[in-house]
Amino acid sequence: MTIRTSKAVLALIPAALALLAPASFAQQPHQNFVQHHHKLVAIGAGFATHHALKVAARNAKAHGQRLNFAERHPTMSAIGAGALTNHEIKAHTAH
C-alpha cells in the first residue's frame, strides 16, 4: 500500500503520536494553583497569620486584656500555621 496524498500523511501523524506517547502522560491528575504551589501558599498563610496576630495583640493590649499564647508568640504561631497548611495541602492532594 502506498500513500500518495499529503492529506493522508498528515492524517497518520496524530495516530502515530498517540501510539508513541506513554500511557502515564495522559493520566496525570490536574492540579489547581494551591496544589501546584503548596509552599508559596503555606508561606502566605504564615505571613497572614503573623500579621493578624500582631494586630490582635496590639488591640488586646490597648484594651488592657491579657494576651493569649498565639498573641504573645506570633512568629512561632505563624511558622506552625504555615507548616500545617503545607502538610494539609500535600496530604489531601492526589499524587
PDB file of N, CA and C in Angstrom:
ATOM      1  N   MET A   1       0.843  -1.163   0.000  1.00  0.00           N
ATOM      2  CA  MET A   1       0.000   0.000   0.000  1.00  0.00           C
ATOM      3  C   MET A   1       0.897   1.237   0.000  1.00  0.00           C
ATOM      4  N   THR A   2       0.617   2.139  -0.858  1.00  0.00           N
ATOM      5  CA  THR A   2       1.390   3.371  -0.924  1.00  0.00           C
ATOM      6  C   THR A   2       0.479   4.552  -0.637  1.00  0.00           C
ATOM      7  N   ILE A   3       1.004   5.517   0.098  1.00  0.00           N
ATOM      8  CA  ILE A   3       0.257   6.722   0.412  1.00  0.00           C
ATOM      9  C   ILE A   3       0.725   7.799  -0.547  1.00  0.00           C
ATOM     10  N   ARG A   4      -0.208   8.337  -1.333  1.00  0.00           N
ATOM     11  CA  ARG A   4       0.188   9.262  -2.374  1.00  0.00           C
ATOM     12  C   ARG A   4      -0.182  10.706  -2.071  1.00  0.00           C
ATOM     13  N   THR A   5      -1.141  10.922  -1.190  1.00  0.00           N
ATOM     14  CA  THR A   5      -1.538  12.308  -0.963  1.00  0.00           C
ATOM     15  C   THR A   5      -0.948  12.823   0.343  1.00  0.00           C
ATOM     16  N   SER A   6      -0.717  14.119   0.373  1.00  0.00           N
ATOM     17  CA  SER A   6      -0.156  14.719   1.584  1.00  0.00           C
ATOM     18  C   SER A   6      -1.185  14.748   2.709  1.00  0.00           C
ATOM     19  N   LYS A   7      -2.481  14.797   2.354  1.00  0.00           N
ATOM     20  CA  LYS A   7      -3.515  14.784   3.383  1.00  0.00           C
ATOM     21  C   LYS A   7      -3.526  13.453   4.120  1.00  0.00           C
ATOM     22  N   ALA A   8      -3.283  12.381   3.451  1.00  0.00           N
ATOM     23  CA  ALA A   8      -3.267  11.068   4.086  1.00  0.00           C
ATOM     24  C   ALA A   8      -2.078  10.952   5.044  1.00  0.00           C
ATOM     25  N   VAL A   9      -0.965  11.524   4.670  1.00  0.00           N
ATOM     26  CA  VAL A   9       0.217  11.509   5.534  1.00  0.00           C
ATOM     27  C   VAL A   9      -0.044  12.347   6.782  1.00  0.00           C
ATOM     28  N   LEU A  10      -0.652  13.502   6.606  1.00  0.00           N
ATOM     29  CA  LEU A  10      -0.970  14.349   7.749  1.00  0.00           C
ATOM     30  C   LEU A  10      -2.001  13.690   8.676  1.00  0.00           C
ATOM     31  N   ALA A  11      -2.857  12.871   8.128  1.00  0.00           N
ATOM     32  CA  ALA A  11      -3.851  12.179   8.943  1.00  0.00           C
ATOM     33  C   ALA A  11      -3.207  11.069   9.776  1.00  0.00           C
ATOM     34  N   LEU A  12      -2.112  10.534   9.336  1.00  0.00           N
ATOM     35  CA  LEU A  12      -1.440   9.458  10.071  1.00  0.00           C
ATOM     36  C   LEU A  12      -0.562   9.982  11.216  1.00  0.00           C
ATOM     37  N   ILE A  13      -0.185  11.246  11.198  1.00  0.00           N
ATOM     38  CA  ILE A  13       0.710  11.803  12.220  1.00  0.00           C
ATOM     39  C   ILE A  13       0.093  11.747  13.613  1.00  0.00           C
ATOM     40  N   PRO A  14      -1.156  12.197  13.834  1.00  0.00           N
ATOM     41  CA  PRO A  14      -1.713  12.093  15.191  1.00  0.00           C
ATOM     42  C   PRO A  14      -1.846  10.654  15.676  1.00  0.00           C
ATOM     43  N   ALA A  15      -2.167   9.743  14.762  1.00  0.00           N
ATOM     44  CA  ALA A  15      -2.288   8.335  15.152  1.00  0.00           C
ATOM     45  C   ALA A  15      -0.927   7.780  15.579  1.00  0.00           C
ATOM     46  N   ALA A  16       0.111   8.135  14.859  1.00  0.00           N
ATOM     47  CA  ALA A  16       1.452   7.666  15.204  1.00  0.00           C
ATOM     48  C   ALA A  16       1.913   8.258  16.537  1.00  0.00           C
ATOM     49  N   LEU A  17       1.613   9.537  16.775  1.00  0.00           N
ATOM     50  CA  LEU A  17       1.995  10.160  18.041  1.00  0.00           C
ATOM     51  C   LEU A  17       1.229   9.556  19.218  1.00  0.00           C
ATOM     52  N   ALA A  18      -0.031   9.198  19.000  1.00  0.00           N
ATOM     53  CA  ALA A  18      -0.815   8.587  20.071  1.00  0.00           C
ATOM     54  C   ALA A  18      -0.257   7.222  20.451  1.00  0.00           C
ATOM     55  N   LEU A  19       0.248   6.508  19.473  1.00  0.00           N
ATOM     56  CA  LEU A  19       0.822   5.196  19.769  1.00  0.00           C
ATOM     57  C   LEU A  19       2.185   5.306  20.452  1.00  0.00           C
ATOM     58  N   LEU A  20       2.909   6.366  20.144  1.00  0.00           N
ATOM     59  CA  LEU A  20       4.247   6.540  20.721  1.00  0.00           C
ATOM     60  C   LEU A  20       4.230   7.208  22.090  1.00  0.00           C
ATOM     61  N   ALA A  21       3.168   7.945  22.413  1.00  0.00           N
ATOM     62  CA  ALA A  21       3.099   8.659  23.691  1.00  0.00           C
ATOM     63  C   ALA A  21       2.914   7.664  24.830  1.00  0.00           C
ATOM     64  N   PRO A  22       3.584   7.881  25.965  1.00  0.00           N
ATOM     65  CA  PRO A  22       3.404   6.970  27.098  1.00  0.00           C
ATOM     66  C   PRO A  22       2.003   7.094  27.690  1.00  0.00           C
ATOM     67  N   ALA A  23       1.505   6.006  28.204  1.00  0.00           N
ATOM     68  CA  ALA A  23       0.143   5.985  28.749  1.00  0.00           C
ATOM     69  C   ALA A  23       0.037   6.813  30.021  1.00  0.00           C
ATOM     70  N   SER A  24       1.090   6.891  30.817  1.00  0.00           N
ATOM     71  CA  SER A  24       1.028   7.639  32.074  1.00  0.00           C
ATOM     72  C   SER A  24       0.959   9.146  31.838  1.00  0.00           C
ATOM     73  N   PHE A  25       1.417   9.598  30.689  1.00  0.00           N
ATOM     74  CA  PHE A  25       1.394  11.026  30.391  1.00  0.00           C
ATOM     75  C   PHE A  25      -0.037  11.551  30.324  1.00  0.00           C
ATOM     76  N   ALA A  26      -0.934  10.790  29.786  1.00  0.00           N
ATOM     77  CA  ALA A  26      -2.307  11.239  29.611  1.00  0.00           C
ATOM     78  C   ALA A  26      -3.134  11.076  30.884  1.00  0.00           C
ATOM     79  N   GLN A  27      -2.653  10.372  31.895  1.00  0.00           N
ATOM     80  CA  GLN A  27      -3.457  10.074  33.066  1.00  0.00           C
ATOM     81  C   GLN A  27      -3.070  10.862  34.306  1.00  0.00           C
ATOM     82  N   GLN A  28      -2.201  11.831  34.201  1.00  0.00           N
ATOM     83  CA  GLN A  28      -1.819  12.599  35.378  1.00  0.00           C
ATOM     84  C   GLN A  28      -2.966  13.519  35.782  1.00  0.00           C
ATOM     85  N   PRO A  29      -3.261  13.602  37.089  1.00  0.00           N
ATOM     86  CA  PRO A  29      -4.376  14.443  37.520  1.00  0.00           C
ATOM     87  C   PRO A  29      -4.051  15.929  37.377  1.00  0.00           C
ATOM     88  N   HIS A  30      -5.086  16.706  37.147  1.00  0.00           N
ATOM     89  CA  HIS A  30      -4.927  18.156  37.023  1.00  0.00           C
ATOM     90  C   HIS A  30      -4.825  18.762  38.419  1.00  0.00           C
ATOM     91  N   GLN A  31      -3.879  19.652  38.625  1.00  0.00           N
ATOM     92  CA  GLN A  31      -3.714  20.308  39.922  1.00  0.00           C
ATOM     93  C   GLN A  31      -4.040  21.780  39.784  1.00  0.00           C
ATOM     94  N   ASN A  32      -4.729  22.322  40.789  1.00  0.00           N
ATOM     95  CA  ASN A  32      -5.020  23.751  40.772  1.00  0.00           C
ATOM     96  C   ASN A  32      -3.813  24.519  41.330  1.00  0.00           C
ATOM     97  N   PHE A  33      -3.952  25.842  41.431  1.00  0.00           N
ATOM     98  CA  PHE A  33      -2.830  26.683  41.852  1.00  0.00           C
ATOM     99  C   PHE A  33      -2.347  26.326  43.255  1.00  0.00           C
ATOM    100  N   VAL A  34      -3.277  26.097  44.171  1.00  0.00           N
ATOM    101  CA  VAL A  34      -2.910  25.797  45.560  1.00  0.00           C
ATOM    102  C   VAL A  34      -2.154  24.481  45.642  1.00  0.00           C
ATOM    103  N   GLN A  35      -2.613  23.471  44.910  1.00  0.00           N
ATOM    104  CA  GLN A  35      -1.949  22.176  44.946  1.00  0.00           C
ATOM    105  C   GLN A  35      -0.585  22.228  44.263  1.00  0.00           C
ATOM    106  N   HIS A  36      -0.476  23.023  43.229  1.00  0.00           N
ATOM    107  CA  HIS A  36       0.781  23.075  42.491  1.00  0.00           C
ATOM    108  C   HIS A  36       1.832  23.917  43.216  1.00  0.00           C
ATOM    109  N   HIS A  37       1.399  24.974  43.914  1.00  0.00           N
ATOM    110  CA  HIS A  37       2.325  25.868  44.605  1.00  0.00           C
ATOM    111  C   HIS A  37       2.059  25.827  46.113  1.00  0.00           C
ATOM    112  N   HIS A  38       2.101  24.654  46.695  1.00  0.00           N
ATOM    113  CA  HIS A  38       1.742  24.490  48.103  1.00  0.00           C
ATOM    114  C   HIS A  38       2.695  25.215  49.043  1.00  0.00           C
ATOM    115  N   LYS A  39       3.955  25.319  48.692  1.00  0.00           N
ATOM    116  CA  LYS A  39       4.894  26.017  49.578  1.00  0.00           C
ATOM    117  C   LYS A  39       4.650  27.522  49.588  1.00  0.00           C
ATOM    118  N   LEU A  40       4.338  28.090  48.432  1.00  0.00           N
ATOM    119  CA  LEU A  40       4.036  29.523  48.386  1.00  0.00           C
ATOM    120  C   LEU A  40       2.772  29.841  49.178  1.00  0.00           C
ATOM    121  N   VAL A  41       1.770  28.972  49.061  1.00  0.00           N
ATOM    122  CA  VAL A  41       0.528  29.178  49.801  1.00  0.00           C
ATOM    123  C   VAL A  41       0.792  29.064  51.302  1.00  0.00           C
ATOM    124  N   ALA A  42       1.628  28.125  51.705  1.00  0.00           N
ATOM    125  CA  ALA A  42       1.958  27.960  53.118  1.00  0.00           C
ATOM    126  C   ALA A  42       2.707  29.183  53.654  1.00  0.00           C
ATOM    127  N   ILE A  43       3.614  29.725  52.868  1.00  0.00           N
ATOM    128  CA  ILE A  43       4.331  30.936  53.285  1.00  0.00           C
ATOM    129  C   ILE A  43       3.354  32.095  53.422  1.00  0.00           C
ATOM    130  N   GLY A  44       2.438  32.211  52.474  1.00  0.00           N
ATOM    131  CA  GLY A  44       1.419  33.259  52.540  1.00  0.00           C
ATOM    132  C   GLY A  44       0.530  33.109  53.760  1.00  0.00           C
ATOM    133  N   ALA A  45       0.175  31.872  54.091  1.00  0.00           N
ATOM    134  CA  ALA A  45      -0.634  31.637  55.282  1.00  0.00           C
ATOM    135  C   ALA A  45       0.138  32.023  56.546  1.00  0.00           C
ATOM    136  N   GLY A  46       1.434  31.756  56.558  1.00  0.00           N
ATOM    137  CA  GLY A  46       2.259  32.138  57.699  1.00  0.00           C
ATOM    138  C   GLY A  46       2.338  33.642  57.864  1.00  0.00           C
ATOM    139  N   PHE A  47       2.556  34.354  56.764  1.00  0.00           N
ATOM    140  CA  PHE A  47       2.612  35.815  56.834  1.00  0.00           C
ATOM    141  C   PHE A  47       1.283  36.409  57.279  1.00  0.00           C
ATOM    142  N   ALA A  48       0.186  35.881  56.734  1.00  0.00           N
ATOM    143  CA  ALA A  48      -1.135  36.392  57.098  1.00  0.00           C
ATOM    144  C   ALA A  48      -1.435  36.129  58.572  1.00  0.00           C
ATOM    145  N   THR A  49      -1.063  34.952  59.066  1.00  0.00           N
ATOM    146  CA  THR A  49      -1.275  34.616  60.472  1.00  0.00           C
ATOM    147  C   THR A  49      -0.452  35.538  61.366  1.00  0.00           C
ATOM    148  N   HIS A  50       0.799  35.765  61.000  1.00  0.00           N
ATOM    149  CA  HIS A  50       1.674  36.625  61.791  1.00  0.00           C
ATOM    150  C   HIS A  50       1.099  38.040  61.870  1.00  0.00           C
ATOM    151  N   HIS A  51       0.661  38.557  60.745  1.00  0.00           N
ATOM    152  CA  HIS A  51       0.108  39.911  60.729  1.00  0.00           C
ATOM    153  C   HIS A  51      -1.178  39.988  61.555  1.00  0.00           C
ATOM    154  N   ALA A  52      -2.051  39.003  61.389  1.00  0.00           N
ATOM    155  CA  ALA A  52      -3.312  39.015  62.133  1.00  0.00           C
ATOM    156  C   ALA A  52      -3.071  38.931  63.637  1.00  0.00           C
ATOM    157  N   LEU A  53      -2.116  38.128  64.053  1.00  0.00           N
ATOM    158  CA  LEU A  53      -1.815  38.003  65.486  1.00  0.00           C
ATOM    159  C   LEU A  53      -1.185  39.283  66.032  1.00  0.00           C
ATOM    160  N   LYS A  54      -0.341  39.951  65.245  1.00  0.00           N
ATOM    161  CA  LYS A  54       0.252  41.208  65.704  1.00  0.00           C
ATOM    162  C   LYS A  54      -0.828  42.269  65.895  1.00  0.00           C
ATOM    163  N   VAL A  55      -1.780  42.347  64.958  1.00  0.00           N
ATOM    164  CA  VAL A  55      -2.863  43.323  65.071  1.00  0.00           C
ATOM    165  C   VAL A  55      -3.765  42.987  66.259  1.00  0.00           C
ATOM    166  N   ALA A  56      -4.083  41.697  66.417  1.00  0.00           N
ATOM    167  CA  ALA A  56      -4.935  41.283  67.533  1.00  0.00           C
ATOM    168  C   ALA A  56      -4.259  41.567  68.876  1.00  0.00           C
ATOM    169  N   ALA A  57      -2.952  41.340  68.943  1.00  0.00           N
ATOM    170  CA  ALA A  57      -2.223  41.609  70.184  1.00  0.00           C
ATOM    171  C   ALA A  57      -2.188  43.099  70.482  1.00  0.00           C
ATOM    172  N   ARG A  58      -1.990  43.910  69.474  1.00  0.00           N
ATOM    173  CA  ARG A  58      -1.975  45.355  69.666  1.00  0.00           C
ATOM    174  C   ARG A  58      -3.330  45.848  70.177  1.00  0.00           C
ATOM    175  N   ASN A  59      -4.407  45.341  69.593  1.00  0.00           N
ATOM    176  CA  ASN A  59      -5.749  45.752  70.019  1.00  0.00           C
ATOM    177  C   ASN A  59      -6.073  45.256  71.426  1.00  0.00           C
ATOM    178  N   ALA A  60      -5.696  44.025  71.739  1.00  0.00           N
ATOM    179  CA  ALA A  60      -5.963  43.483  73.070  1.00  0.00           C
ATOM    180  C   ALA A  60      -5.172  44.245  74.130  1.00  0.00           C
ATOM    181  N   LYS A  61      -3.936  44.571  73.801  1.00  0.00           N
ATOM    182  CA  LYS A  61      -3.099  45.312  74.744  1.00  0.00           C
ATOM    183  C   LYS A  61      -3.645  46.725  74.972  1.00  0.00           C
ATOM    184  N   ALA A  62      -4.160  47.337  73.920  1.00  0.00           N
ATOM    185  CA  ALA A  62      -4.721  48.683  74.040  1.00  0.00           C
ATOM    186  C   ALA A  62      -5.971  48.698  74.914  1.00  0.00           C
ATOM    187  N   HIS A  63      -6.687  47.578  74.956  1.00  0.00           N
ATOM    188  CA  HIS A  63      -7.896  47.492  75.765  1.00  0.00           C
ATOM    189  C   HIS A  63      -7.627  46.878  77.133  1.00  0.00           C
ATOM    190  N   GLY A  64      -6.357  46.661  77.454  1.00  0.00           N
ATOM    191  CA  GLY A  64      -5.991  46.149  78.765  1.00  0.00           C
ATOM    192  C   GLY A  64      -6.290  44.681  78.978  1.00  0.00           C
ATOM    193  N   GLN A  65      -6.454  43.914  77.896  1.00  0.00           N
ATOM    194  CA  GLN A  65      -6.748  42.489  78.026  1.00  0.00           C
ATOM    195  C   GLN A  65      -5.455  41.687  78.089  1.00  0.00           C
ATOM    196  N   ARG A  66      -5.583  40.501  78.632  1.00  0.00           N
ATOM    197  CA  ARG A  66      -4.434  39.609  78.712  1.00  0.00           C
ATOM    198  C   ARG A  66      -4.228  38.924  77.364  1.00  0.00           C
ATOM    199  N   LEU A  67      -2.976  38.839  76.906  1.00  0.00           N
ATOM    200  CA  LEU A  67      -2.675  38.226  75.614  1.00  0.00           C
ATOM    201  C   LEU A  67      -2.628  36.712  75.741  1.00  0.00           C
ATOM    202  N   ASN A  68      -3.178  36.017  74.738  1.00  0.00           N
ATOM    203  CA  ASN A  68      -3.096  34.556  74.743  1.00  0.00           C
ATOM    204  C   ASN A  68      -1.743  34.110  74.179  1.00  0.00           C
ATOM    205  N   PHE A  69      -1.524  32.801  74.142  1.00  0.00           N
ATOM    206  CA  PHE A  69      -0.227  32.271  73.718  1.00  0.00           C
ATOM    207  C   PHE A  69       0.121  32.694  72.294  1.00  0.00           C
ATOM    208  N   ALA A  70      -0.839  32.587  71.383  1.00  0.00           N
ATOM    209  CA  ALA A  70      -0.573  32.926  69.983  1.00  0.00           C
ATOM    210  C   ALA A  70      -0.248  34.408  69.826  1.00  0.00           C
ATOM    211  N   GLU A  71      -0.919  35.256  70.590  1.00  0.00           N
ATOM    212  CA  GLU A  71      -0.643  36.685  70.508  1.00  0.00           C
ATOM    213  C   GLU A  71       0.698  37.038  71.134  1.00  0.00           C
ATOM    214  N   ARG A  72       1.124  36.271  72.123  1.00  0.00           N
ATOM    215  CA  ARG A  72       2.444  36.516  72.731  1.00  0.00           C
ATOM    216  C   ARG A  72       3.574  35.988  71.865  1.00  0.00           C
ATOM    217  N   HIS A  73       3.298  34.981  71.032  1.00  0.00           N
ATOM    218  CA  HIS A  73       4.326  34.350  70.196  1.00  0.00           C
ATOM    219  C   HIS A  73       3.840  34.283  68.739  1.00  0.00           C
ATOM    220  N   PRO A  74       3.716  35.424  68.062  1.00  0.00           N
ATOM    221  CA  PRO A  74       3.157  35.403  66.710  1.00  0.00           C
ATOM    222  C   PRO A  74       4.058  34.728  65.672  1.00  0.00           C
ATOM    223  N   THR A  75       5.358  34.819  65.823  1.00  0.00           N
ATOM    224  CA  THR A  75       6.256  34.199  64.848  1.00  0.00           C
ATOM    225  C   THR A  75       6.184  32.684  64.933  1.00  0.00           C
ATOM    226  N   MET A  76       6.221  32.169  66.154  1.00  0.00           N
ATOM    227  CA  MET A  76       6.135  30.723  66.332  1.00  0.00           C
ATOM    228  C   MET A  76       4.785  30.191  65.852  1.00  0.00           C
ATOM    229  N   SER A  77       3.724  30.938  66.116  1.00  0.00           N
ATOM    230  CA  SER A  77       2.400  30.527  65.672  1.00  0.00           C
ATOM    231  C   SER A  77       2.290  30.575  64.150  1.00  0.00           C
ATOM    232  N   ALA A  78       2.907  31.569  63.529  1.00  0.00           N
ATOM    233  CA  ALA A  78       2.874  31.689  62.073  1.00  0.00           C
ATOM    234  C   ALA A  78       3.639  30.552  61.407  1.00  0.00           C
ATOM    235  N   ILE A  79       4.769  30.165  61.979  1.00  0.00           N
ATOM    236  CA  ILE A  79       5.528  29.036  61.439  1.00  0.00           C
ATOM    237  C   ILE A  79       4.699  27.763  61.531  1.00  0.00           C
ATOM    238  N   GLY A  80       4.023  27.582  62.651  1.00  0.00           N
ATOM    239  CA  GLY A  80       3.156  26.412  62.809  1.00  0.00           C
ATOM    240  C   GLY A  80       1.993  26.417  61.834  1.00  0.00           C
ATOM    241  N   ALA A  81       1.397  27.576  61.612  1.00  0.00           N
ATOM    242  CA  ALA A  81       0.283  27.676  60.673  1.00  0.00           C
ATOM    243  C   ALA A  81       0.746  27.379  59.248  1.00  0.00           C
ATOM    244  N   GLY A  82       1.917  27.881  58.881  1.00  0.00           N
ATOM    245  CA  GLY A  82       2.456  27.608  57.550  1.00  0.00           C
ATOM    246  C   GLY A  82       2.798  26.139  57.359  1.00  0.00           C
ATOM    247  N   ALA A  83       3.402  25.537  58.364  1.00  0.00           N
ATOM    248  CA  ALA A  83       3.753  24.121  58.274  1.00  0.00           C
ATOM    249  C   ALA A  83       2.493  23.253  58.190  1.00  0.00           C
ATOM    250  N   LEU A  84       1.492  23.580  58.981  1.00  0.00           N
ATOM    251  CA  LEU A  84       0.247  22.816  58.950  1.00  0.00           C
ATOM    252  C   LEU A  84      -0.466  22.988  57.604  1.00  0.00           C
ATOM    253  N   THR A  85      -0.452  24.189  57.049  1.00  0.00           N
ATOM    254  CA  THR A  85      -1.065  24.432  55.745  1.00  0.00           C
ATOM    255  C   THR A  85      -0.372  23.614  54.667  1.00  0.00           C
ATOM    256  N   ASN A  86       0.951  23.620  54.668  1.00  0.00           N
ATOM    257  CA  ASN A  86       1.716  22.840  53.697  1.00  0.00           C
ATOM    258  C   ASN A  86       1.403  21.351  53.833  1.00  0.00           C
ATOM    259  N   HIS A  87       1.355  20.872  55.053  1.00  0.00           N
ATOM    260  CA  HIS A  87       1.074  19.465  55.292  1.00  0.00           C
ATOM    261  C   HIS A  87      -0.321  19.072  54.806  1.00  0.00           C
ATOM    262  N   GLU A  88      -1.308  19.891  55.119  1.00  0.00           N
ATOM    263  CA  GLU A  88      -2.691  19.583  54.732  1.00  0.00           C
ATOM    264  C   GLU A  88      -2.873  19.590  53.223  1.00  0.00           C
ATOM    265  N   ILE A  89      -2.242  20.531  52.543  1.00  0.00           N
ATOM    266  CA  ILE A  89      -2.356  20.571  51.084  1.00  0.00           C
ATOM    267  C   ILE A  89      -1.723  19.332  50.473  1.00  0.00           C
ATOM    268  N   LYS A  90      -0.530  18.969  50.943  1.00  0.00           N
ATOM    269  CA  LYS A  90       0.149  17.801  50.399  1.00  0.00           C
ATOM    270  C   LYS A  90      -0.566  16.511  50.766  1.00  0.00           C
ATOM    271  N   ALA A  91      -1.145  16.448  51.970  1.00  0.00           N
ATOM    272  CA  ALA A  91      -1.792  15.211  52.400  1.00  0.00           C
ATOM    273  C   ALA A  91      -3.095  14.970  51.652  1.00  0.00           C
ATOM    274  N   HIS A  92      -3.759  16.016  51.220  1.00  0.00           N
ATOM    275  CA  HIS A  92      -5.056  15.861  50.575  1.00  0.00           C
ATOM    276  C   HIS A  92      -5.011  16.080  49.068  1.00  0.00           C
ATOM    277  N   THR A  93      -3.831  16.042  48.490  1.00  0.00           N
ATOM    278  CA  THR A  93      -3.678  16.164  47.048  1.00  0.00           C
ATOM    279  C   THR A  93      -3.348  14.792  46.493  1.00  0.00           C
ATOM    280  N   ALA A  94      -4.107  14.375  45.483  1.00  0.00           N
ATOM    281  CA  ALA A  94      -3.834  13.079  44.851  1.00  0.00           C
ATOM    282  C   ALA A  94      -2.557  13.172  44.025  1.00  0.00           C
ATOM    283  N   HIS A  95      -1.641  12.257  44.257  1.00  0.00           N
ATOM    284  CA  HIS A  95      -0.362  12.267  43.537  1.00  0.00           C
ATOM    285  C   HIS A  95      -0.401  11.273  42.406  1.00  0.00           C
TER     286      HIS A  95
END
